Every structure is written in C-alpha cells, then in structure tokens.
Amino acid sequence: MTEVNHLREACPNTNLPSAAEIAKLREWKPRLYIAYSVLNIGAFVGLAWIGAVLDQPLVYCVCWLSQSAVLIGFSNAAHECTHDLFTAVGKVEPVDRQSMDDAALTEL
C-alpha cells in the first residue's frame, strides 16, 4: 500500500477529474458540436479572406499560421469522432488477451 501512495505522490497529475465529471464531458451535445464546426470553418475562411484583402506578405504568413492551427484542431476533433471517443461507448472494445489465450489452449 505504501508503494501506491508513493506513486500517487510522484504523479504530477494530482488534480484529476472525477468519473462523474468525465462522464458529463462525454454527453452528446449536437448543437455545441455543430457550433464549433461552423466556428472553425468560418475562422478558416475568414483568415483566407483577410489575407486576400490585405494582400501583404506578413499578413499572409500570419493568416497561414493561424489557418494551420485551426485546421489541426479541426482534424484532431474529426480524428476523435472517427474513434467515437465523444460518446460513452467506444466502437472498439479492448481485447482480453488472457481469455483469448485460454480459449486457444482449450482448442489444442
């Protein structure tokens, strides 16, 4: 038991959310997700428009860097949706290797 306490003290993440708080984060909120998507697309298009209107090399660089941040964030969210990590039940269930090994041994 002292080893577990020692590991907790060494862990930098001491202020972790509770299971109830994590479950609340995974609640389905379609309006919020649509609003975030529209905001991301609007920011991406708006930055392109600003760069085109102002037509300055420094402005282009700033807009391109800002667009890359928006694009990376949007693609990260899409990636998480692909794995269905925004809902309570994931599409991929973890594999219990021990039961698989036992099943393979019983077949022999």
Protein backbone atom coordinates (compact mmCIF):
# COMPACT_ATOMS: atom_id res chain seq x y z
CA MET A 1 0.00 0.00 0.00
CA THR A 2 2.86 2.38 0.68
CA GLU A 3 4.10 1.80 -2.88
CA VAL A 4 0.74 3.00 -4.23
CA ASN A 5 0.89 6.10 -2.04
CA HIS A 6 4.44 6.74 -3.21
CA LEU A 7 3.31 6.53 -6.85
CA ARG A 8 0.45 8.95 -6.17
CA GLU A 9 2.85 11.43 -4.62
CA ALA A 10 5.21 11.14 -7.59
CA CYS A 11 2.41 11.61 -10.11
CA PRO A 12 2.26 15.18 -11.48
CA ASN A 13 -1.49 14.86 -12.25
CA THR A 14 -2.88 15.20 -8.75
CA ASN A 15 -5.93 17.26 -9.66
CA LEU A 16 -7.66 14.77 -11.97
CA PRO A 17 -11.41 15.00 -12.71
CA SER A 18 -13.77 12.50 -11.13
CA ALA A 19 -15.53 9.77 -13.09
CA ALA A 20 -18.79 11.76 -12.95
CA GLU A 21 -17.08 14.84 -14.41
CA ILE A 22 -15.58 12.76 -17.23
CA ALA A 23 -18.97 11.17 -17.94
CA LYS A 24 -20.52 14.64 -18.16
CA LEU A 25 -17.91 15.64 -20.75
CA ARG A 26 -18.94 12.67 -22.90
CA GLU A 27 -22.62 13.65 -23.06
CA TRP A 28 -23.86 14.11 -26.61
CA LYS A 29 -24.30 17.83 -27.39
CA PRO A 30 -25.03 18.11 -31.13
CA ARG A 31 -25.75 21.85 -31.15
CA LEU A 32 -22.45 22.58 -29.47
CA TYR A 33 -20.52 20.37 -31.90
CA ILE A 34 -22.21 21.99 -34.90
CA ALA A 35 -21.44 25.44 -33.49
CA TYR A 36 -17.78 24.52 -33.04
CA SER A 37 -17.60 23.17 -36.59
CA VAL A 38 -19.20 26.30 -38.06
CA LEU A 39 -16.84 28.46 -35.99
CA ASN A 40 -13.79 26.53 -37.21
CA ILE A 41 -14.84 26.69 -40.86
CA GLY A 42 -15.74 30.37 -40.52
CA ALA A 43 -12.36 31.14 -38.93
CA PHE A 44 -10.55 29.28 -41.70
CA VAL A 45 -12.46 31.08 -44.48
CA GLY A 46 -12.25 34.41 -42.65
CA LEU A 47 -8.49 34.18 -42.33
CA ALA A 48 -8.18 33.40 -46.05
CA TRP A 49 -10.37 36.41 -46.84
CA ILE A 50 -8.30 38.70 -44.59
CA GLY A 51 -5.09 37.54 -46.27
CA ALA A 52 -6.54 38.09 -49.74
CA VAL A 53 -7.98 41.54 -48.97
CA LEU A 54 -4.92 42.95 -47.20
CA ASP A 55 -2.51 41.42 -49.75
CA GLN A 56 0.64 41.78 -47.63
CA PRO A 57 3.32 39.06 -47.27
CA LEU A 58 3.47 39.38 -43.47
CA VAL A 59 -0.33 39.16 -43.24
CA TYR A 60 -0.26 36.07 -45.46
CA CYS A 61 2.25 34.40 -43.11
CA VAL A 62 0.20 35.20 -40.02
CA CYS A 63 -3.02 34.03 -41.70
CA TRP A 64 -1.40 30.80 -42.93
CA LEU A 65 -0.06 30.00 -39.48
CA SER A 66 -3.45 30.74 -37.93
CA GLN A 67 -5.20 28.62 -40.56
CA SER A 68 -2.85 25.74 -39.82
CA ALA A 69 -3.77 25.91 -36.11
CA VAL A 70 -7.49 25.89 -36.99
CA LEU A 71 -7.00 23.01 -39.43
CA ILE A 72 -5.00 20.93 -36.94
CA GLY A 73 -7.64 21.44 -34.24
CA PHE A 74 -10.46 20.57 -36.62
CA SER A 75 -8.70 17.46 -37.91
CA ASN A 76 -7.96 16.37 -34.33
CA ALA A 77 -11.64 16.62 -33.45
CA ALA A 78 -12.53 14.67 -36.62
CA HIS A 79 -9.99 12.01 -35.65
CA GLU A 80 -11.54 11.65 -32.19
CA CYS A 81 -15.00 11.37 -33.79
CA THR A 82 -13.69 8.63 -36.06
CA HIS A 83 -12.73 6.63 -32.99
CA ASP A 84 -16.09 7.54 -31.41
CA LEU A 85 -14.38 8.99 -28.33
CA PHE A 86 -17.04 11.68 -27.84
CA THR A 87 -19.69 9.15 -26.80
CA ALA A 88 -20.00 6.90 -23.77
CA VAL A 89 -19.43 3.63 -25.66
CA GLY A 90 -16.43 3.24 -27.93
CA LYS A 91 -16.63 1.31 -31.19
CA VAL A 92 -13.54 -0.75 -30.39
CA GLU A 93 -13.71 -2.87 -27.28
CA PRO A 94 -10.47 -3.79 -25.52
CA VAL A 95 -9.26 -7.33 -26.09
CA ASP A 96 -8.88 -9.61 -23.09
CA ARG A 97 -5.71 -11.44 -24.10
CA GLN A 98 -5.80 -13.83 -21.14
CA SER A 99 -9.21 -15.24 -22.12
CA MET A 100 -8.04 -15.47 -25.74
CA ASP A 101 -5.00 -17.48 -24.66
CA ASP A 102 -7.16 -19.76 -22.50
CA ALA A 103 -9.56 -20.33 -25.39
CA ALA A 104 -6.68 -21.14 -27.74
CA LEU A 105 -5.24 -23.62 -25.24
CA THR A 106 -8.55 -25.43 -24.76
CA GLU A 107 -8.82 -25.93 -28.52
CA LEU A 108 -5.49 -27.78 -28.55
